[in-house]
Amino acid sequence: MITETITWHEVSERLPDDNTTVMVCVPGSDEPVWLGYFEDGQWLYAEGFEAEGVVRWAAVPRGGLA
């Protein structure tokens, strides 16, 4: 069995590298966790649409890949 720990980071404390796909948490939305990225000072969903209200982010689990 493969186990991974997901570490969530508060956006007020740390941001991911630009253009790195991460999981983003948007509380209060129908689906609170999405794939997205940070670019030029703003959060975007993986599809390129603006993501408002992102409060945390986490690296995408590797799924057992080394």
PDB file of N, CA and C in Angstrom:
ATOM      1  N   MET A   1       0.842  -1.178   0.000  1.00  0.00           N
ATOM      2  CA  MET A   1       0.000   0.000   0.000  1.00  0.00           C
ATOM      3  C   MET A   1       0.892   1.248   0.000  1.00  0.00           C
ATOM      4  N   ILE A   2       0.515   2.199  -0.810  1.00  0.00           N
ATOM      5  CA  ILE A   2       1.250   3.463  -0.898  1.00  0.00           C
ATOM      6  C   ILE A   2       0.457   4.531  -0.153  1.00  0.00           C
ATOM      7  N   THR A   3       1.133   5.264   0.707  1.00  0.00           N
ATOM      8  CA  THR A   3       0.494   6.334   1.472  1.00  0.00           C
ATOM      9  C   THR A   3       1.247   7.631   1.219  1.00  0.00           C
ATOM     10  N   GLU A   4       0.503   8.689   0.938  1.00  0.00           N
ATOM     11  CA  GLU A   4       1.099  10.008   0.752  1.00  0.00           C
ATOM     12  C   GLU A   4       0.441  10.980   1.716  1.00  0.00           C
ATOM     13  N   THR A   5       1.214  11.902   2.222  1.00  0.00           N
ATOM     14  CA  THR A   5       0.696  12.952   3.087  1.00  0.00           C
ATOM     15  C   THR A   5       0.551  14.226   2.271  1.00  0.00           C
ATOM     16  N   ILE A   6      -0.621  14.820   2.352  1.00  0.00           N
ATOM     17  CA  ILE A   6      -0.858  16.085   1.661  1.00  0.00           C
ATOM     18  C   ILE A   6      -0.661  17.214   2.671  1.00  0.00           C
ATOM     19  N   THR A   7       0.226  18.138   2.350  1.00  0.00           N
ATOM     20  CA  THR A   7       0.498  19.279   3.216  1.00  0.00           C
ATOM     21  C   THR A   7      -0.095  20.522   2.579  1.00  0.00           C
ATOM     22  N   TRP A   8      -1.054  21.123   3.260  1.00  0.00           N
ATOM     23  CA  TRP A   8      -1.688  22.340   2.766  1.00  0.00           C
ATOM     24  C   TRP A   8      -0.921  23.563   3.270  1.00  0.00           C
ATOM     25  N   HIS A   9      -0.753  24.542   2.390  1.00  0.00           N
ATOM     26  CA  HIS A   9      -0.045  25.786   2.707  1.00  0.00           C
ATOM     27  C   HIS A   9      -1.029  26.954   2.618  1.00  0.00           C
ATOM     28  N   GLU A  10      -1.010  27.814   3.610  1.00  0.00           N
ATOM     29  CA  GLU A  10      -1.836  29.026   3.579  1.00  0.00           C
ATOM     30  C   GLU A  10      -1.236  29.991   2.555  1.00  0.00           C
ATOM     31  N   VAL A  11      -2.077  30.553   1.686  1.00  0.00           N
ATOM     32  CA  VAL A  11      -1.558  31.471   0.667  1.00  0.00           C
ATOM     33  C   VAL A  11      -0.980  32.735   1.288  1.00  0.00           C
ATOM     34  N   SER A  12      -1.410  33.070   2.499  1.00  0.00           N
ATOM     35  CA  SER A  12      -0.878  34.254   3.171  1.00  0.00           C
ATOM     36  C   SER A  12       0.552  34.030   3.669  1.00  0.00           C
ATOM     37  N   GLU A  13       0.970  32.766   3.745  1.00  0.00           N
ATOM     38  CA  GLU A  13       2.300  32.430   4.257  1.00  0.00           C
ATOM     39  C   GLU A  13       3.276  31.968   3.184  1.00  0.00           C
ATOM     40  N   ARG A  14       2.762  31.350   2.128  1.00  0.00           N
ATOM     41  CA  ARG A  14       3.647  30.775   1.108  1.00  0.00           C
ATOM     42  C   ARG A  14       2.878  30.570  -0.185  1.00  0.00           C
ATOM     43  N   LEU A  15       3.536  30.830  -1.318  1.00  0.00           N
ATOM     44  CA  LEU A  15       2.935  30.610  -2.624  1.00  0.00           C
ATOM     45  C   LEU A  15       3.767  29.576  -3.396  1.00  0.00           C
ATOM     46  N   PRO A  16       3.133  28.858  -4.315  1.00  0.00           N
ATOM     47  CA  PRO A  16       3.901  27.908  -5.127  1.00  0.00           C
ATOM     48  C   PRO A  16       4.698  28.651  -6.190  1.00  0.00           C
ATOM     49  N   ASP A  17       5.611  27.951  -6.826  1.00  0.00           N
ATOM     50  CA  ASP A  17       6.317  28.537  -7.961  1.00  0.00           C
ATOM     51  C   ASP A  17       5.307  28.863  -9.058  1.00  0.00           C
ATOM     52  N   ASP A  18       5.544  29.950  -9.805  1.00  0.00           N
ATOM     53  CA  ASP A  18       4.657  30.305 -10.909  1.00  0.00           C
ATOM     54  C   ASP A  18       4.511  29.143 -11.877  1.00  0.00           C
ATOM     55  N   ASN A  19       3.308  28.988 -12.394  1.00  0.00           N
ATOM     56  CA  ASN A  19       2.964  28.006 -13.427  1.00  0.00           C
ATOM     57  C   ASN A  19       3.146  26.557 -13.000  1.00  0.00           C
ATOM     58  N   THR A  20       3.180  26.293 -11.692  1.00  0.00           N
ATOM     59  CA  THR A  20       3.247  24.924 -11.192  1.00  0.00           C
ATOM     60  C   THR A  20       1.837  24.489 -10.819  1.00  0.00           C
ATOM     61  N   THR A  21       1.344  23.414 -11.415  1.00  0.00           N
ATOM     62  CA  THR A  21       0.005  22.931 -11.107  1.00  0.00           C
ATOM     63  C   THR A  21      -0.033  22.365  -9.697  1.00  0.00           C
ATOM     64  N   VAL A  22      -0.995  22.846  -8.914  1.00  0.00           N
ATOM     65  CA  VAL A  22      -1.174  22.432  -7.517  1.00  0.00           C
ATOM     66  C   VAL A  22      -2.672  22.222  -7.273  1.00  0.00           C
ATOM     67  N   MET A  23      -3.009  21.672  -6.119  1.00  0.00           N
ATOM     68  CA  MET A  23      -4.403  21.618  -5.698  1.00  0.00           C
ATOM     69  C   MET A  23      -4.695  22.918  -4.969  1.00  0.00           C
ATOM     70  N   VAL A  24      -5.825  23.536  -5.276  1.00  0.00           N
ATOM     71  CA  VAL A  24      -6.206  24.770  -4.603  1.00  0.00           C
ATOM     72  C   VAL A  24      -7.499  24.544  -3.828  1.00  0.00           C
ATOM     73  N   CYS A  25      -7.612  25.203  -2.688  1.00  0.00           N
ATOM     74  CA  CYS A  25      -8.800  25.094  -1.844  1.00  0.00           C
ATOM     75  C   CYS A  25      -9.551  26.415  -1.894  1.00  0.00           C
ATOM     76  N   VAL A  26     -10.811  26.337  -2.319  1.00  0.00           N
ATOM     77  CA  VAL A  26     -11.685  27.500  -2.400  1.00  0.00           C
ATOM     78  C   VAL A  26     -12.931  27.203  -1.554  1.00  0.00           C
ATOM     79  N   PRO A  27     -12.875  27.526  -0.250  1.00  0.00           N
ATOM     80  CA  PRO A  27     -14.013  27.233   0.629  1.00  0.00           C
ATOM     81  C   PRO A  27     -15.292  27.914   0.141  1.00  0.00           C
ATOM     82  N   GLY A  28     -16.396  27.232   0.356  1.00  0.00           N
ATOM     83  CA  GLY A  28     -17.680  27.811  -0.004  1.00  0.00           C
ATOM     84  C   GLY A  28     -18.113  27.532  -1.427  1.00  0.00           C
ATOM     85  N   SER A  29     -17.241  26.972  -2.260  1.00  0.00           N
ATOM     86  CA  SER A  29     -17.648  26.643  -3.625  1.00  0.00           C
ATOM     87  C   SER A  29     -18.257  25.236  -3.640  1.00  0.00           C
ATOM     88  N   ASP A  30     -18.945  24.902  -4.721  1.00  0.00           N
ATOM     89  CA  ASP A  30     -19.576  23.581  -4.825  1.00  0.00           C
ATOM     90  C   ASP A  30     -18.556  22.456  -4.693  1.00  0.00           C
ATOM     91  N   GLU A  31     -17.405  22.633  -5.284  1.00  0.00           N
ATOM     92  CA  GLU A  31     -16.290  21.687  -5.187  1.00  0.00           C
ATOM     93  C   GLU A  31     -15.116  22.466  -4.609  1.00  0.00           C
ATOM     94  N   PRO A  32     -14.789  22.303  -3.326  1.00  0.00           N
ATOM     95  CA  PRO A  32     -13.794  23.166  -2.691  1.00  0.00           C
ATOM     96  C   PRO A  32     -12.337  22.908  -3.085  1.00  0.00           C
ATOM     97  N   VAL A  33     -12.039  21.787  -3.748  1.00  0.00           N
ATOM     98  CA  VAL A  33     -10.653  21.506  -4.146  1.00  0.00           C
ATOM     99  C   VAL A  33     -10.590  21.295  -5.659  1.00  0.00           C
ATOM    100  N   TRP A  34      -9.703  22.051  -6.294  1.00  0.00           N
ATOM    101  CA  TRP A  34      -9.517  22.005  -7.744  1.00  0.00           C
ATOM    102  C   TRP A  34      -8.029  22.027  -8.064  1.00  0.00           C
ATOM    103  N   LEU A  35      -7.692  21.699  -9.303  1.00  0.00           N
ATOM    104  CA  LEU A  35      -6.329  21.917  -9.784  1.00  0.00           C
ATOM    105  C   LEU A  35      -6.232  23.347 -10.273  1.00  0.00           C
ATOM    106  N   GLY A  36      -5.110  23.981  -9.981  1.00  0.00           N
ATOM    107  CA  GLY A  36      -4.910  25.349 -10.416  1.00  0.00           C
ATOM    108  C   GLY A  36      -3.446  25.719 -10.343  1.00  0.00           C
ATOM    109  N   TYR A  37      -3.154  26.981 -10.604  1.00  0.00           N
ATOM    110  CA  TYR A  37      -1.771  27.468 -10.569  1.00  0.00           C
ATOM    111  C   TYR A  37      -1.772  28.959 -10.294  1.00  0.00           C
ATOM    112  N   PHE A  38      -0.628  29.465  -9.881  1.00  0.00           N
ATOM    113  CA  PHE A  38      -0.441  30.877  -9.569  1.00  0.00           C
ATOM    114  C   PHE A  38       0.441  31.476 -10.655  1.00  0.00           C
ATOM    115  N   GLU A  39      -0.014  32.580 -11.257  1.00  0.00           N
ATOM    116  CA  GLU A  39       0.747  33.196 -12.344  1.00  0.00           C
ATOM    117  C   GLU A  39       0.515  34.704 -12.337  1.00  0.00           C
ATOM    118  N   ASP A  40       1.604  35.450 -12.409  1.00  0.00           N
ATOM    119  CA  ASP A  40       1.529  36.917 -12.480  1.00  0.00           C
ATOM    120  C   ASP A  40       0.624  37.516 -11.406  1.00  0.00           C
ATOM    121  N   GLY A  41       0.732  36.996 -10.184  1.00  0.00           N
ATOM    122  CA  GLY A  41       0.001  37.568  -9.068  1.00  0.00           C
ATOM    123  C   GLY A  41      -1.456  37.154  -8.936  1.00  0.00           C
ATOM    124  N   GLN A  42      -1.892  36.167  -9.721  1.00  0.00           N
ATOM    125  CA  GLN A  42      -3.280  35.723  -9.576  1.00  0.00           C
ATOM    126  C   GLN A  42      -3.390  34.205  -9.669  1.00  0.00           C
ATOM    127  N   TRP A  43      -4.447  33.684  -9.057  1.00  0.00           N
ATOM    128  CA  TRP A  43      -4.731  32.256  -9.099  1.00  0.00           C
ATOM    129  C   TRP A  43      -5.613  31.962 -10.300  1.00  0.00           C
ATOM    130  N   LEU A  44      -5.301  30.861 -10.977  1.00  0.00           N
ATOM    131  CA  LEU A  44      -6.095  30.411 -12.109  1.00  0.00           C
ATOM    132  C   LEU A  44      -6.387  28.929 -11.949  1.00  0.00           C
ATOM    133  N   TYR A  45      -7.584  28.513 -12.384  1.00  0.00           N
ATOM    134  CA  TYR A  45      -7.872  27.082 -12.431  1.00  0.00           C
ATOM    135  C   TYR A  45      -7.081  26.472 -13.573  1.00  0.00           C
ATOM    136  N   ALA A  46      -6.912  25.168 -13.572  1.00  0.00           N
ATOM    137  CA  ALA A  46      -6.116  24.485 -14.601  1.00  0.00           C
ATOM    138  C   ALA A  46      -6.598  24.828 -16.013  1.00  0.00           C
ATOM    139  N   GLU A  47      -7.891  25.118 -16.155  1.00  0.00           N
ATOM    140  CA  GLU A  47      -8.447  25.456 -17.472  1.00  0.00           C
ATOM    141  C   GLU A  47      -8.132  26.888 -17.887  1.00  0.00           C
ATOM    142  N   GLY A  48      -7.527  27.668 -16.979  1.00  0.00           N
ATOM    143  CA  GLY A  48      -7.153  29.036 -17.301  1.00  0.00           C
ATOM    144  C   GLY A  48      -8.112  30.102 -16.801  1.00  0.00           C
ATOM    145  N   PHE A  49      -9.226  29.695 -16.176  1.00  0.00           N
ATOM    146  CA  PHE A  49     -10.181  30.665 -15.645  1.00  0.00           C
ATOM    147  C   PHE A  49      -9.710  31.177 -14.283  1.00  0.00           C
ATOM    148  N   GLU A  50     -10.019  32.437 -13.984  1.00  0.00           N
ATOM    149  CA  GLU A  50      -9.601  33.033 -12.719  1.00  0.00           C
ATOM    150  C   GLU A  50     -10.227  32.293 -11.537  1.00  0.00           C
ATOM    151  N   ALA A  51      -9.423  32.022 -10.533  1.00  0.00           N
ATOM    152  CA  ALA A  51      -9.882  31.351  -9.309  1.00  0.00           C
ATOM    153  C   ALA A  51      -9.868  32.366  -8.181  1.00  0.00           C
ATOM    154  N   GLU A  52     -11.026  32.784  -7.736  1.00  0.00           N
ATOM    155  CA  GLU A  52     -11.124  33.756  -6.645  1.00  0.00           C
ATOM    156  C   GLU A  52     -11.370  33.035  -5.332  1.00  0.00           C
ATOM    157  N   GLY A  53     -10.779  33.517  -4.276  1.00  0.00           N
ATOM    158  CA  GLY A  53     -11.032  32.977  -2.954  1.00  0.00           C
ATOM    159  C   GLY A  53     -10.146  31.814  -2.545  1.00  0.00           C
ATOM    160  N   VAL A  54      -9.029  31.612  -3.258  1.00  0.00           N
ATOM    161  CA  VAL A  54      -8.110  30.529  -2.878  1.00  0.00           C
ATOM    162  C   VAL A  54      -7.481  30.874  -1.532  1.00  0.00           C
ATOM    163  N   VAL A  55      -7.592  29.963  -0.578  1.00  0.00           N
ATOM    164  CA  VAL A  55      -7.034  30.215   0.752  1.00  0.00           C
ATOM    165  C   VAL A  55      -5.855  29.295   1.069  1.00  0.00           C
ATOM    166  N   ARG A  56      -5.795  28.127   0.429  1.00  0.00           N
ATOM    167  CA  ARG A  56      -4.684  27.178   0.628  1.00  0.00           C
ATOM    168  C   ARG A  56      -4.358  26.475  -0.668  1.00  0.00           C
ATOM    169  N   TRP A  57      -3.167  25.914  -0.691  1.00  0.00           N
ATOM    170  CA  TRP A  57      -2.757  25.110  -1.837  1.00  0.00           C
ATOM    171  C   TRP A  57      -1.877  23.961  -1.342  1.00  0.00           C
ATOM    172  N   ALA A  58      -1.785  22.907  -2.139  1.00  0.00           N
ATOM    173  CA  ALA A  58      -0.961  21.747  -1.820  1.00  0.00           C
ATOM    174  C   ALA A  58      -0.412  21.159  -3.102  1.00  0.00           C
ATOM    175  N   ALA A  59       0.752  20.544  -3.006  1.00  0.00           N
ATOM    176  CA  ALA A  59       1.324  19.860  -4.162  1.00  0.00           C
ATOM    177  C   ALA A  59       0.396  18.710  -4.568  1.00  0.00           C
ATOM    178  N   VAL A  60       0.333  18.446  -5.856  1.00  0.00           N
ATOM    179  CA  VAL A  60      -0.467  17.340  -6.353  1.00  0.00           C
ATOM    180  C   VAL A  60       0.222  16.027  -5.955  1.00  0.00           C
ATOM    181  N   PRO A  61      -0.517  15.091  -5.362  1.00  0.00           N
ATOM    182  CA  PRO A  61       0.114  13.817  -4.997  1.00  0.00           C
ATOM    183  C   PRO A  61       0.711  13.131  -6.222  1.00  0.00           C
ATOM    184  N   ARG A  62       1.820  12.480  -6.012  1.00  0.00           N
ATOM    185  CA  ARG A  62       2.518  11.823  -7.116  1.00  0.00           C
ATOM    186  C   ARG A  62       1.877  10.494  -7.510  1.00  0.00           C
ATOM    187  N   GLY A  63       1.023   9.956  -6.674  1.00  0.00           N
ATOM    188  CA  GLY A  63       0.344   8.722  -7.013  1.00  0.00           C
ATOM    189  C   GLY A  63       1.254   7.510  -7.017  1.00  0.00           C
ATOM    190  N   GLY A  64       2.281   7.531  -6.204  1.00  0.00           N
ATOM    191  CA  GLY A  64       3.203   6.403  -6.122  1.00  0.00           C
ATOM    192  C   GLY A  64       4.354   6.460  -7.095  1.00  0.00           C
ATOM    193  N   LEU A  65       4.403   7.502  -7.936  1.00  0.00           N
ATOM    194  CA  LEU A  65       5.517   7.651  -8.873  1.00  0.00           C
ATOM    195  C   LEU A  65       6.743   8.158  -8.129  1.00  0.00           C
ATOM    196  N   ALA A  66       7.858   7.617  -8.433  1.00  0.00           N
ATOM    197  CA  ALA A  66       9.097   8.039  -7.773  1.00  0.00           C
ATOM    198  C   ALA A  66       9.814   9.078  -8.587  1.00  0.00           C
TER     199      ALA A  66
END
